[in-house]
Amino acid sequence: MTDQDNAASERQEIAAHVARFKATQERFRREREEYCVTTLENARHSEHARRPFERPPFWS
């Protein structure tokens, strides 16, 4: 293998690593976004399920 072939092979390997890294980062971004949306939806739904505050039970 010549120096040029070796350099080209290393560039291809680095490009593959970078592509995998970018794909992983994109997956993490999507998962964070989904988690955020789900958490906010759950918080909104739980707020509507609560009883409205009328007065504390110790007030007669």
PDB file of N, CA and C in Angstrom:
ATOM      1  N   MET A   1       0.847  -1.174   0.000  1.00  0.00           N
ATOM      2  CA  MET A   1       0.000   0.000   0.000  1.00  0.00           C
ATOM      3  C   MET A   1       0.896   1.242   0.000  1.00  0.00           C
ATOM      4  N   THR A   2       0.600   2.179  -0.852  1.00  0.00           N
ATOM      5  CA  THR A   2       1.407   3.394  -0.927  1.00  0.00           C
ATOM      6  C   THR A   2       0.929   4.392   0.119  1.00  0.00           C
ATOM      7  N   ASP A   3       1.724   5.434   0.275  1.00  0.00           N
ATOM      8  CA  ASP A   3       1.360   6.483   1.233  1.00  0.00           C
ATOM      9  C   ASP A   3       0.032   7.142   0.840  1.00  0.00           C
ATOM     10  N   GLN A   4      -0.186   7.325  -0.467  1.00  0.00           N
ATOM     11  CA  GLN A   4      -1.428   7.942  -0.925  1.00  0.00           C
ATOM     12  C   GLN A   4      -2.622   7.035  -0.633  1.00  0.00           C
ATOM     13  N   ASP A   5      -2.455   5.743  -0.863  1.00  0.00           N
ATOM     14  CA  ASP A   5      -3.535   4.797  -0.566  1.00  0.00           C
ATOM     15  C   ASP A   5      -3.839   4.780   0.928  1.00  0.00           C
ATOM     16  N   ASN A   6      -2.784   4.798   1.732  1.00  0.00           N
ATOM     17  CA  ASN A   6      -2.940   4.791   3.185  1.00  0.00           C
ATOM     18  C   ASN A   6      -3.670   6.052   3.653  1.00  0.00           C
ATOM     19  N   ALA A   7      -3.278   7.211   3.114  1.00  0.00           N
ATOM     20  CA  ALA A   7      -3.909   8.473   3.484  1.00  0.00           C
ATOM     21  C   ALA A   7      -5.384   8.469   3.068  1.00  0.00           C
ATOM     22  N   ALA A   8      -5.666   7.962   1.876  1.00  0.00           N
ATOM     23  CA  ALA A   8      -7.052   7.903   1.406  1.00  0.00           C
ATOM     24  C   ALA A   8      -7.879   6.978   2.293  1.00  0.00           C
ATOM     25  N   SER A   9      -7.306   5.873   2.685  1.00  0.00           N
ATOM     26  CA  SER A   9      -7.994   4.935   3.563  1.00  0.00           C
ATOM     27  C   SER A   9      -8.282   5.573   4.923  1.00  0.00           C
ATOM     28  N   GLU A  10      -7.299   6.301   5.452  1.00  0.00           N
ATOM     29  CA  GLU A  10      -7.494   6.981   6.731  1.00  0.00           C
ATOM     30  C   GLU A  10      -8.568   8.055   6.620  1.00  0.00           C
ATOM     31  N   ARG A  11      -8.591   8.797   5.505  1.00  0.00           N
ATOM     32  CA  ARG A  11      -9.621   9.811   5.300  1.00  0.00           C
ATOM     33  C   ARG A  11     -11.004   9.176   5.254  1.00  0.00           C
ATOM     34  N   GLN A  12     -11.117   8.046   4.570  1.00  0.00           N
ATOM     35  CA  GLN A  12     -12.402   7.342   4.506  1.00  0.00           C
ATOM     36  C   GLN A  12     -12.834   6.871   5.886  1.00  0.00           C
ATOM     37  N   GLU A  13     -11.890   6.364   6.654  1.00  0.00           N
ATOM     38  CA  GLU A  13     -12.202   5.898   8.011  1.00  0.00           C
ATOM     39  C   GLU A  13     -12.663   7.057   8.888  1.00  0.00           C
ATOM     40  N   ILE A  14     -11.960   8.182   8.790  1.00  0.00           N
ATOM     41  CA  ILE A  14     -12.342   9.371   9.567  1.00  0.00           C
ATOM     42  C   ILE A  14     -13.719   9.861   9.132  1.00  0.00           C
ATOM     43  N   ALA A  15     -13.973   9.892   7.836  1.00  0.00           N
ATOM     44  CA  ALA A  15     -15.278  10.327   7.331  1.00  0.00           C
ATOM     45  C   ALA A  15     -16.392   9.412   7.848  1.00  0.00           C
ATOM     46  N   ALA A  16     -16.129   8.123   7.915  1.00  0.00           N
ATOM     47  CA  ALA A  16     -17.128   7.184   8.432  1.00  0.00           C
ATOM     48  C   ALA A  16     -17.378   7.443   9.917  1.00  0.00           C
ATOM     49  N   HIS A  17     -16.320   7.692  10.681  1.00  0.00           N
ATOM     50  CA  HIS A  17     -16.472   8.007  12.108  1.00  0.00           C
ATOM     51  C   HIS A  17     -17.283   9.288  12.290  1.00  0.00           C
ATOM     52  N   VAL A  18     -16.988  10.291  11.509  1.00  0.00           N
ATOM     53  CA  VAL A  18     -17.707  11.568  11.600  1.00  0.00           C
ATOM     54  C   VAL A  18     -19.180  11.367  11.247  1.00  0.00           C
ATOM     55  N   ALA A  19     -19.452  10.603  10.215  1.00  0.00           N
ATOM     56  CA  ALA A  19     -20.837  10.348   9.816  1.00  0.00           C
ATOM     57  C   ALA A  19     -21.597   9.617  10.920  1.00  0.00           C
ATOM     58  N   ARG A  20     -20.974   8.619  11.545  1.00  0.00           N
ATOM     59  CA  ARG A  20     -21.625   7.903  12.652  1.00  0.00           C
ATOM     60  C   ARG A  20     -21.858   8.828  13.841  1.00  0.00           C
ATOM     61  N   PHE A  21     -20.874   9.680  14.128  1.00  0.00           N
ATOM     62  CA  PHE A  21     -21.013  10.620  15.233  1.00  0.00           C
ATOM     63  C   PHE A  21     -22.176  11.574  14.975  1.00  0.00           C
ATOM     64  N   LYS A  22     -22.256  12.128  13.771  1.00  0.00           N
ATOM     65  CA  LYS A  22     -23.344  13.045  13.437  1.00  0.00           C
ATOM     66  C   LYS A  22     -24.696  12.348  13.522  1.00  0.00           C
ATOM     67  N   ALA A  23     -24.775  11.119  13.070  1.00  0.00           N
ATOM     68  CA  ALA A  23     -26.028  10.362  13.141  1.00  0.00           C
ATOM     69  C   ALA A  23     -26.439  10.129  14.595  1.00  0.00           C
ATOM     70  N   THR A  24     -25.470   9.821  15.439  1.00  0.00           N
ATOM     71  CA  THR A  24     -25.757   9.611  16.859  1.00  0.00           C
ATOM     72  C   THR A  24     -26.222  10.906  17.505  1.00  0.00           C
ATOM     73  N   GLN A  25     -25.553  12.002  17.200  1.00  0.00           N
ATOM     74  CA  GLN A  25     -25.955  13.292  17.760  1.00  0.00           C
ATOM     75  C   GLN A  25     -27.364  13.675  17.305  1.00  0.00           C
ATOM     76  N   GLU A  26     -27.703  13.402  16.062  1.00  0.00           N
ATOM     77  CA  GLU A  26     -29.043  13.692  15.550  1.00  0.00           C
ATOM     78  C   GLU A  26     -30.082  12.831  16.269  1.00  0.00           C
ATOM     79  N   ARG A  27     -29.763  11.569  16.510  1.00  0.00           N
ATOM     80  CA  ARG A  27     -30.686  10.688  17.242  1.00  0.00           C
ATOM     81  C   ARG A  27     -30.901  11.218  18.657  1.00  0.00           C
ATOM     82  N   PHE A  28     -29.823  11.640  19.325  1.00  0.00           N
ATOM     83  CA  PHE A  28     -29.951  12.202  20.665  1.00  0.00           C
ATOM     84  C   PHE A  28     -30.818  13.455  20.646  1.00  0.00           C
ATOM     85  N   ARG A  29     -30.655  14.302  19.633  1.00  0.00           N
ATOM     86  CA  ARG A  29     -31.448  15.528  19.523  1.00  0.00           C
ATOM     87  C   ARG A  29     -32.929  15.194  19.389  1.00  0.00           C
ATOM     88  N   ARG A  30     -33.237  14.215  18.519  1.00  0.00           N
ATOM     89  CA  ARG A  30     -34.636  13.805  18.337  1.00  0.00           C
ATOM     90  C   ARG A  30     -35.220  13.231  19.624  1.00  0.00           C
ATOM     91  N   GLU A  31     -34.436  12.412  20.316  1.00  0.00           N
ATOM     92  CA  GLU A  31     -34.916  11.813  21.565  1.00  0.00           C
ATOM     93  C   GLU A  31     -35.160  12.880  22.633  1.00  0.00           C
ATOM     94  N   ARG A  32     -34.275  13.885  22.718  1.00  0.00           N
ATOM     95  CA  ARG A  32     -34.489  14.979  23.674  1.00  0.00           C
ATOM     96  C   ARG A  32     -35.759  15.741  23.333  1.00  0.00           C
ATOM     97  N   GLU A  33     -35.961  16.012  22.046  1.00  0.00           N
ATOM     98  CA  GLU A  33     -37.152  16.746  21.606  1.00  0.00           C
ATOM     99  C   GLU A  33     -38.416  15.959  21.942  1.00  0.00           C
ATOM    100  N   GLU A  34     -38.417  14.659  21.661  1.00  0.00           N
ATOM    101  CA  GLU A  34     -39.578  13.825  21.976  1.00  0.00           C
ATOM    102  C   GLU A  34     -39.843  13.802  23.475  1.00  0.00           C
ATOM    103  N   TYR A  35     -38.786  13.693  24.274  1.00  0.00           N
ATOM    104  CA  TYR A  35     -38.930  13.672  25.728  1.00  0.00           C
ATOM    105  C   TYR A  35     -39.530  14.988  26.216  1.00  0.00           C
ATOM    106  N   CYS A  36     -39.041  16.088  25.686  1.00  0.00           N
ATOM    107  CA  CYS A  36     -39.533  17.411  26.081  1.00  0.00           C
ATOM    108  C   CYS A  36     -41.011  17.551  25.739  1.00  0.00           C
ATOM    109  N   VAL A  37     -41.389  17.197  24.529  1.00  0.00           N
ATOM    110  CA  VAL A  37     -42.786  17.310  24.107  1.00  0.00           C
ATOM    111  C   VAL A  37     -43.672  16.433  24.984  1.00  0.00           C
ATOM    112  N   THR A  38     -43.265  15.203  25.223  1.00  0.00           N
ATOM    113  CA  THR A  38     -44.046  14.287  26.045  1.00  0.00           C
ATOM    114  C   THR A  38     -44.187  14.808  27.466  1.00  0.00           C
ATOM    115  N   THR A  39     -43.095  15.303  28.035  1.00  0.00           N
ATOM    116  CA  THR A  39     -43.132  15.814  29.402  1.00  0.00           C
ATOM    117  C   THR A  39     -44.065  17.015  29.505  1.00  0.00           C
ATOM    118  N   LEU A  40     -43.987  17.925  28.550  1.00  0.00           N
ATOM    119  CA  LEU A  40     -44.861  19.096  28.580  1.00  0.00           C
ATOM    120  C   LEU A  40     -46.324  18.702  28.400  1.00  0.00           C
ATOM    121  N   GLU A  41     -46.601  17.761  27.501  1.00  0.00           N
ATOM    122  CA  GLU A  41     -47.977  17.303  27.320  1.00  0.00           C
ATOM    123  C   GLU A  41     -48.511  16.667  28.600  1.00  0.00           C
ATOM    124  N   ASN A  42     -47.698  15.844  29.244  1.00  0.00           N
ATOM    125  CA  ASN A  42     -48.122  15.211  30.492  1.00  0.00           C
ATOM    126  C   ASN A  42     -48.386  16.258  31.574  1.00  0.00           C
ATOM    127  N   ALA A  43     -47.550  17.277  31.637  1.00  0.00           N
ATOM    128  CA  ALA A  43     -47.744  18.335  32.628  1.00  0.00           C
ATOM    129  C   ALA A  43     -49.031  19.103  32.350  1.00  0.00           C
ATOM    130  N   ARG A  44     -49.309  19.383  31.101  1.00  0.00           N
ATOM    131  CA  ARG A  44     -50.548  20.097  30.756  1.00  0.00           C
ATOM    132  C   ARG A  44     -51.777  19.262  31.091  1.00  0.00           C
ATOM    133  N   HIS A  45     -51.727  17.973  30.783  1.00  0.00           N
ATOM    134  CA  HIS A  45     -52.866  17.098  31.063  1.00  0.00           C
ATOM    135  C   HIS A  45     -53.079  16.933  32.557  1.00  0.00           C
ATOM    136  N   SER A  46     -52.027  16.838  33.328  1.00  0.00           N
ATOM    137  CA  SER A  46     -52.187  16.659  34.768  1.00  0.00           C
ATOM    138  C   SER A  46     -52.735  17.934  35.400  1.00  0.00           C
ATOM    139  N   GLU A  47     -52.438  19.085  34.839  1.00  0.00           N
ATOM    140  CA  GLU A  47     -52.960  20.349  35.356  1.00  0.00           C
ATOM    141  C   GLU A  47     -54.474  20.402  35.186  1.00  0.00           C
ATOM    142  N   HIS A  48     -54.985  19.909  34.051  1.00  0.00           N
ATOM    143  CA  HIS A  48     -56.427  19.920  33.802  1.00  0.00           C
ATOM    144  C   HIS A  48     -57.148  18.886  34.653  1.00  0.00           C
ATOM    145  N   ALA A  49     -56.458  17.863  35.086  1.00  0.00           N
ATOM    146  CA  ALA A  49     -57.080  16.803  35.872  1.00  0.00           C
ATOM    147  C   ALA A  49     -57.225  17.199  37.339  1.00  0.00           C
ATOM    148  N   ARG A  50     -56.539  18.208  37.786  1.00  0.00           N
ATOM    149  CA  ARG A  50     -56.610  18.626  39.188  1.00  0.00           C
ATOM    150  C   ARG A  50     -57.942  19.305  39.488  1.00  0.00           C
ATOM    151  N   ARG A  51     -58.366  19.179  40.757  1.00  0.00           N
ATOM    152  CA  ARG A  51     -59.554  19.900  41.204  1.00  0.00           C
ATOM    153  C   ARG A  51     -59.210  21.373  41.323  1.00  0.00           C
ATOM    154  N   PRO A  52     -60.122  22.224  40.980  1.00  0.00           N
ATOM    155  CA  PRO A  52     -59.836  23.653  41.181  1.00  0.00           C
ATOM    156  C   PRO A  52     -59.765  23.970  42.678  1.00  0.00           C
ATOM    157  N   PHE A  53     -58.934  24.891  43.040  1.00  0.00           N
ATOM    158  CA  PHE A  53     -58.761  25.274  44.429  1.00  0.00           C
ATOM    159  C   PHE A  53     -59.961  26.104  44.853  1.00  0.00           C
ATOM    160  N   GLU A  54     -60.683  25.619  45.821  1.00  0.00           N
ATOM    161  CA  GLU A  54     -61.831  26.369  46.328  1.00  0.00           C
ATOM    162  C   GLU A  54     -61.460  27.026  47.652  1.00  0.00           C
ATOM    163  N   ARG A  55     -61.252  26.201  48.665  1.00  0.00           N
ATOM    164  CA  ARG A  55     -60.773  26.706  49.944  1.00  0.00           C
ATOM    165  C   ARG A  55     -60.200  25.526  50.725  1.00  0.00           C
ATOM    166  N   PRO A  56     -59.285  25.787  51.610  1.00  0.00           N
ATOM    167  CA  PRO A  56     -58.688  24.698  52.376  1.00  0.00           C
ATOM    168  C   PRO A  56     -59.733  23.996  53.239  1.00  0.00           C
ATOM    169  N   PRO A  57     -59.541  22.716  53.540  1.00  0.00           N
ATOM    170  CA  PRO A  57     -60.525  21.971  54.314  1.00  0.00           C
ATOM    171  C   PRO A  57     -60.651  22.444  55.755  1.00  0.00           C
ATOM    172  N   PHE A  58     -59.658  23.185  56.267  1.00  0.00           N
ATOM    173  CA  PHE A  58     -59.734  23.625  57.666  1.00  0.00           C
ATOM    174  C   PHE A  58     -60.524  24.917  57.809  1.00  0.00           C
ATOM    175  N   TRP A  59     -60.973  25.519  56.709  1.00  0.00           N
ATOM    176  CA  TRP A  59     -61.827  26.709  56.803  1.00  0.00           C
ATOM    177  C   TRP A  59     -63.275  26.249  56.859  1.00  0.00           C
ATOM    178  N   SER A  60     -64.015  26.742  57.764  1.00  0.00           N
ATOM    179  CA  SER A  60     -65.431  26.350  57.874  1.00  0.00           C
ATOM    180  C   SER A  60     -66.335  27.389  57.270  1.00  0.00           C
TER     181      SER A  60
END
